[in-house]
Protein backbone atom coordinates (compact mmCIF):
# COMPACT_ATOMS: atom_id res chain seq x y z
CA MET A 1 180.76 86.07 176.94
CA THR A 2 181.56 82.36 177.00
CA ARG A 3 184.21 81.08 174.65
CA LEU A 4 181.51 79.46 172.50
CA ALA A 5 179.61 82.73 172.35
CA VAL A 6 182.76 84.53 171.24
CA LEU A 7 183.31 81.95 168.51
CA ALA A 8 179.71 82.27 167.39
CA ALA A 9 180.05 86.02 167.13
CA ALA A 10 183.26 85.58 165.16
CA LEU A 11 181.53 83.30 162.67
CA LEU A 12 178.64 85.67 162.16
CA VAL A 13 180.99 88.55 161.27
CA SER A 14 183.60 86.47 159.49
CA CYS A 15 182.68 87.96 156.11
CA ALA A 16 183.04 91.54 157.41
CA HIS A 17 185.56 93.48 155.34
CA ARG A 18 188.03 95.59 157.31
CA ALA A 19 189.87 97.54 154.62
CA PRO A 20 188.35 100.05 152.18
CA PRO A 21 187.49 98.60 148.76
CA PRO A 22 190.16 98.88 146.07
CA PRO A 23 189.77 101.64 143.46
CA PRO A 24 188.82 100.78 139.87
CA GLY A 25 191.78 99.47 137.93
CA ALA A 26 193.67 98.32 141.02
CA THR A 27 196.01 95.34 140.62
CA ILE A 28 195.79 92.78 143.41
CA THR A 29 198.01 89.72 143.79
CA LEU A 30 196.57 86.76 145.68
CA ARG A 31 198.41 83.66 146.89
CA VAL A 32 196.59 80.42 146.06
CA ALA A 33 196.53 77.00 147.74
CA HIS A 34 194.91 73.83 146.43
CA VAL A 35 193.91 71.79 149.48
CA VAL A 36 193.40 68.18 148.42
CA ASN A 37 191.48 65.27 149.87
CA PRO A 38 192.97 62.33 147.90
CA GLY A 39 189.80 60.29 148.32
CA LEU A 40 187.60 62.71 146.36
CA PRO A 41 187.59 63.75 142.69
CA ARG A 42 189.74 66.76 141.95
CA MET A 43 190.29 69.26 139.18
CA SER A 44 193.45 68.87 137.13
CA ALA A 45 196.20 71.49 137.11
CA ALA A 46 194.92 72.66 133.72
CA GLN A 47 191.39 73.07 135.08
CA LEU A 48 192.65 75.04 138.06
CA ASP A 49 194.59 77.35 135.76
CA ALA A 50 191.48 77.79 133.60
CA ALA A 51 189.36 78.53 136.69
CA LEU A 52 191.78 81.21 137.87
CA ALA A 53 191.89 82.74 134.38
CA ALA A 54 188.08 82.83 134.34
CA ALA A 55 188.09 84.45 137.78
CA ARG A 56 190.52 87.09 136.61
CA ARG A 57 188.28 87.97 133.66
CA GLY A 58 185.20 87.93 135.86
CA ALA A 59 186.72 90.20 138.50
CA MET A 60 187.57 92.78 135.85
CA GLU A 61 184.13 92.56 134.23
CA ASN A 62 182.19 92.71 137.49
CA PHE A 63 184.36 94.81 139.78
CA GLY A 64 186.92 96.57 137.59
CA VAL A 65 189.94 95.12 139.40
CA ASP A 66 192.91 93.24 137.95
CA LEU A 67 193.52 90.06 139.95
CA ARG A 68 196.84 88.27 139.70
CA PHE A 69 196.95 84.76 141.14
CA THR A 70 200.08 82.86 142.10
CA GLY A 71 200.37 79.29 140.89
CA PRO A 72 198.28 77.00 143.12
CA GLU A 73 200.42 75.35 145.82
CA GLU A 74 199.12 71.87 146.61
CA GLN A 75 198.52 71.28 150.30
CA SER A 76 197.30 68.23 152.21
CA LEU A 77 193.85 68.44 153.77
CA ARG A 78 194.92 65.99 156.46
CA ALA A 79 197.92 68.14 157.39
CA LEU A 80 195.70 71.22 157.56
CA LEU A 81 193.23 69.50 159.90
CA GLU A 82 196.09 68.39 162.13
CA ARG A 83 196.72 72.06 162.95
CA VAL A 84 193.42 72.23 164.85
CA THR A 85 194.02 71.99 168.59
CA PRO A 86 191.88 69.74 170.83
CA ALA A 87 190.41 72.85 172.49
CA GLU A 88 189.43 74.34 169.12
CA ALA A 89 187.91 71.03 168.05
CA ARG A 90 185.77 70.94 171.21
CA ASP A 91 184.62 74.53 170.72
CA TRP A 92 183.73 74.05 167.09
CA SER A 93 181.93 70.79 167.79
CA GLY A 94 179.85 72.65 170.37
CA LEU A 95 178.53 74.92 167.62
CA SER A 96 177.86 72.12 165.14
CA TYR A 97 174.67 70.09 164.80
CA ASP A 98 175.60 66.41 165.10
CA PHE A 99 173.92 64.84 162.08
CA LYS A 100 176.40 61.96 161.93
CA GLY A 101 175.78 60.63 165.43
CA GLY A 102 172.13 61.64 165.61
CA THR A 103 172.51 63.67 168.81
CA GLY A 104 171.77 67.13 167.34
CA ASP A 105 169.23 69.43 169.00
CA ARG A 106 166.71 70.31 166.28
CA LYS A 107 164.88 72.97 168.30
CA ARG A 108 168.15 74.76 168.99
CA LEU A 109 169.07 74.52 165.30
CA THR A 110 165.75 76.02 164.19
CA LYS A 111 166.09 78.84 166.70
CA GLY A 112 169.56 79.63 165.39
CA TYR A 113 168.32 79.80 161.81
CA ALA A 114 165.44 82.08 162.76
CA ALA A 115 167.93 84.45 164.43
CA ALA A 116 170.24 84.34 161.40
CA PHE A 117 167.39 85.14 159.02
CA ARG A 118 166.27 88.08 161.15
CA SER A 119 169.77 89.55 160.86
CA ASP A 120 169.97 89.02 157.09
CA ASP A 121 170.04 92.19 154.98
CA SER A 122 167.26 90.70 152.86
CA GLY A 123 163.76 90.87 154.26
CA LEU A 124 161.55 87.89 154.98
CA ASP A 125 159.64 88.26 151.70
CA ASP A 126 162.83 88.18 149.62
CA LEU A 127 164.14 85.16 151.54
CA ILE A 128 160.90 83.28 151.02
CA ALA A 129 160.78 84.20 147.33
CA PHE A 130 164.29 82.84 146.82
CA ALA A 131 164.02 79.69 148.90
CA GLY A 132 160.33 78.84 148.62
CA PRO A 133 160.46 76.86 145.35
CA HIS A 134 163.18 74.61 146.78
CA LEU A 135 161.78 73.84 150.23
CA LEU A 136 160.86 70.26 151.07
CA ALA A 137 158.45 71.30 153.84
CA PRO A 138 155.61 73.85 153.85
CA ILE A 139 155.90 77.26 155.51
CA ARG A 140 153.11 76.89 158.04
CA GLU A 141 153.41 80.45 159.31
CA ARG A 142 154.73 83.46 157.36
CA SER A 143 157.15 84.56 160.03
CA TYR A 144 160.87 84.15 160.65
CA ASP A 145 160.14 81.27 163.02
CA GLY A 146 157.81 79.57 160.55
CA PHE A 147 160.26 80.06 157.69
CA ALA A 148 163.15 78.76 159.78
CA ASP A 149 161.16 75.63 160.63
CA ALA A 150 160.63 74.84 156.93
CA VAL A 151 164.24 75.64 156.04
CA THR A 152 165.57 73.47 158.87
CA ALA A 153 163.46 70.53 157.74
CA THR A 154 164.83 70.96 154.21
CA LEU A 155 168.40 71.33 155.45
CA LEU A 156 168.30 68.17 157.53
CA ALA A 157 166.61 66.07 154.84
CA ARG A 158 169.15 67.00 152.18
CA LEU A 159 172.08 66.76 154.57
CA ALA A 160 170.98 63.26 155.57
CA GLU A 161 170.85 62.28 151.89
CA LEU A 162 174.37 63.61 151.37
CA GLY A 163 175.49 61.72 154.45
CA SER A 164 174.20 58.46 152.97
CA GLN A 165 176.16 58.74 149.71
CA LYS A 166 178.97 56.38 148.76
CA LEU A 167 181.93 57.03 146.50
CA PRO A 168 182.74 54.64 143.61
CA ASN A 169 185.24 52.79 145.83
CA GLY A 170 182.53 52.16 148.43
CA SER A 171 183.77 54.66 151.02
CA ALA A 172 181.47 57.29 152.51
CA LEU A 173 181.25 60.69 150.87
CA ILE A 174 181.07 62.23 154.36
CA ASP A 175 183.23 60.25 156.74
CA ALA A 176 183.86 60.49 160.47
CA SER A 177 186.47 63.24 160.09
CA PRO A 178 185.47 66.89 160.54
CA ALA A 179 186.65 67.78 157.01
CA ASN A 180 183.09 68.50 155.86
CA GLU A 181 182.32 70.84 158.79
CA VAL A 182 182.14 74.48 157.73
CA LEU A 183 183.60 75.74 161.02
CA TYR A 184 186.91 74.05 160.26
CA TRP A 185 187.08 76.22 157.15
CA VAL A 186 185.60 79.45 158.51
CA PHE A 187 188.24 79.49 161.24
CA ILE A 188 191.13 78.80 158.88
CA GLY A 189 192.60 82.09 160.11
CA LYS A 190 193.42 80.32 163.39
CA LEU A 191 195.59 77.74 161.62
CA SER A 192 198.51 79.91 160.39
CA PHE A 193 197.65 79.18 156.77
CA PRO A 194 199.03 82.09 154.71
CA TYR A 195 196.86 81.96 151.59
CA ASP A 196 194.46 84.54 150.18
CA VAL A 197 192.63 81.96 148.06
CA VAL A 198 191.98 78.32 148.94
CA ILE A 199 190.54 75.94 146.38
CA THR A 200 189.63 72.52 147.75
CA ASN A 201 188.03 69.37 146.38
CA GLN A 202 186.57 68.62 149.83
CA LEU A 203 182.79 68.65 150.12
CA ILE A 204 181.82 71.20 152.79
CA ALA A 205 178.34 70.37 154.06
CA SER A 206 177.13 70.69 157.65
CA ALA A 207 174.70 72.46 159.96
CA GLU A 208 175.51 74.92 162.75
CA TYR A 209 173.44 76.18 165.65
CA ILE A 210 174.21 79.77 164.70
CA GLY A 211 172.61 79.36 161.29
CA SER A 212 173.88 80.04 157.80
CA ALA A 213 172.79 81.89 154.67
CA VAL A 214 169.48 80.64 153.33
CA HIS A 215 170.93 79.44 150.02
CA THR A 216 173.38 77.22 151.90
CA ALA A 217 170.68 75.81 154.16
CA ILE A 218 168.27 74.78 151.40
CA ARG A 219 171.10 72.86 149.66
CA GLY A 220 171.52 70.65 152.70
CA GLY A 221 174.25 72.79 154.20
CA VAL A 222 176.44 72.58 151.09
CA THR A 223 178.87 75.49 150.96
CA ALA A 224 180.41 76.32 147.59
CA GLY A 225 182.36 79.29 148.92
CA ILE A 226 183.46 81.01 152.12
CA THR A 227 185.03 84.39 152.82
CA THR A 228 186.66 84.70 156.22
CA GLU A 229 189.21 86.72 158.16
CA ASN A 230 192.77 85.38 158.18
CA PRO A 231 195.58 87.45 159.71
CA SER A 232 198.14 85.10 158.13
CA ALA A 233 197.02 86.03 154.61
CA SER A 234 198.56 89.07 152.95
CA SER A 235 195.11 90.57 152.38
CA GLY A 236 193.89 89.76 155.90
CA MET A 237 191.15 87.61 154.37
CA THR A 238 190.89 84.19 152.76
CA VAL A 239 188.34 83.16 150.16
CA ILE A 240 187.61 79.46 149.88
CA VAL A 241 185.95 77.67 146.97
CA SER A 242 184.95 74.01 147.05
CA THR A 243 185.01 72.33 143.65
CA TYR A 244 183.20 69.19 144.83
CA PRO A 245 179.71 70.66 144.22
CA VAL A 246 180.78 71.27 140.61
CA ILE A 247 182.51 67.96 139.86
CA GLY A 248 181.06 65.48 142.37
CA GLU A 249 178.97 62.72 140.79
CA ASP A 250 177.17 61.18 143.78
CA GLY A 251 173.41 60.97 143.50
CA ALA A 252 172.59 63.68 146.02
CA THR A 253 174.94 66.23 144.48
CA LEU A 254 173.70 65.43 140.99
CA GLY A 255 170.17 65.94 142.25
CA LEU A 256 171.02 69.38 143.60
CA ARG A 257 172.55 70.19 140.19
CA GLY A 258 169.37 69.15 138.41
CA GLY A 259 171.12 66.09 136.96
CA GLU A 260 173.77 68.14 135.17
CA SER A 261 177.39 67.15 134.67
CA TYR A 262 179.94 69.54 133.22
CA SER A 263 182.85 69.26 130.85
CA ASP A 264 186.29 70.15 132.17
CA GLY A 265 186.09 73.56 130.53
CA GLU A 266 182.60 74.39 131.75
CA GLY A 267 183.42 73.19 135.25
CA ALA A 268 186.50 75.42 135.34
CA ARG A 269 184.48 78.44 134.22
CA ILE A 270 181.88 77.76 136.90
CA ALA A 271 184.56 77.44 139.59
CA GLY A 272 186.01 80.74 138.39
CA ALA A 273 182.62 82.43 138.70
CA LEU A 274 182.21 81.06 142.23
CA LEU A 275 185.59 82.56 143.08
CA VAL A 276 184.48 85.92 141.67
CA HIS A 277 181.43 85.75 143.94
CA GLU A 278 183.66 85.28 146.97
CA ILE A 279 186.00 88.06 145.81
CA GLY A 280 182.96 90.35 145.85
CA HIS A 281 182.44 89.52 149.52
CA ASP A 282 186.13 89.93 150.27
CA LEU A 283 187.13 93.13 148.48
CA PHE A 284 183.82 95.00 148.46
CA ASP A 285 181.77 93.52 151.33
CA PHE A 286 178.91 92.87 148.91
CA GLY A 287 175.95 90.89 150.20
CA HIS A 288 173.52 88.57 148.40
CA PRO A 289 170.99 90.36 146.16
CA TYR A 290 168.66 87.36 146.10
CA GLY A 291 166.76 86.95 142.85
CA ARG A 292 168.85 89.40 140.78
CA LYS A 293 169.97 86.78 138.30
CA ALA A 294 172.30 89.07 136.31
CA CYS A 295 174.47 89.63 139.40
CA VAL A 296 177.36 87.37 140.29
CA MET A 297 176.63 88.08 143.97
CA ASN A 298 173.23 86.38 143.63
CA PRO A 299 174.04 82.80 144.71
CA PRO A 300 173.13 79.78 142.57
CA GLU A 301 169.78 78.23 143.34
CA LEU A 302 170.61 74.87 144.85
CA LEU A 303 173.64 73.78 142.77
CA ARG A 304 172.22 74.64 139.35
CA PHE A 305 175.42 76.24 138.21
CA ARG A 306 174.82 76.22 134.45
CA GLU A 307 171.60 78.21 134.74
CA TRP A 308 173.28 80.58 137.20
CA ALA A 309 176.36 81.16 135.05
CA GLU A 310 174.39 81.62 131.84
CA GLY A 311 172.24 84.28 133.49
CA LEU A 312 175.14 86.45 134.65
CA SER A 313 175.44 89.83 132.93
CA PRO A 314 177.73 92.38 134.62
CA ARG A 315 176.42 95.28 132.55
CA ASP A 316 172.88 94.55 133.76
CA CYS A 317 173.87 94.44 137.44
CA PRO A 318 174.57 97.73 139.20
CA ARG A 319 177.40 97.37 141.69
CA ARG A 320 176.31 97.16 145.31
């Protein structure tokens, strides 16, 4: 395999869980980092503490495990990105669709999404039922290729809108740095970053030739959470939650949230629930039961977090 092929395979299995799931009642301590982009809005220390407290409650309610989080250690996003070697940057760029420079290969992108959807545990009908109401292009053929074509059109339209957004100070929401690229976060295990949980205020939104989960694609590539292997972490895995989709106030993000803004308390509770979702991937290797609204593992539709959080009911969701 070429080096790019190896990296692609690594990304596709990055959520695979290596260790057996913890037994009910287990106590698990996780080390937490808060990776900060100073140019973007961020949660306060009190909000972060509230989010972790909400995640602890949610993990017990949904999975029966007692999570203990260390106090968040603030880390610089710039310093983290500086750990990426030139060779890694070239490899990761080779897997990323260039929406900033306009040189991306759309046919290759669509083909990658079709392949990713074929490998999804959910069938085509379930994927269409989940994504269909949010697509910006029609499904011209009820097949994986036809579905991927409509999803790709939606992905690129929403990603372009995100790419056009400005912050209150006039700077670009998505700048020329690779900070928004999901691969720079998925491969955090290559950066000797010894944290089990990473909370960041950085917007993570991009497109990759190897595809992504359908709920990420229809948001314009916006990733609210990632679970990935990390040999430097005590658990061997790192879960990453981006708070920008919850607290960002640019027009495109607000649109994906259905126009909603959240109080500090509600935003913290939502961030905690997103962390519980990623913990389910990490500790139990749970997938996405699309459409089962009572289940925390069912991802939010677009970024409509209030509706998602209000529908969660652990007692009405059998563990899977």
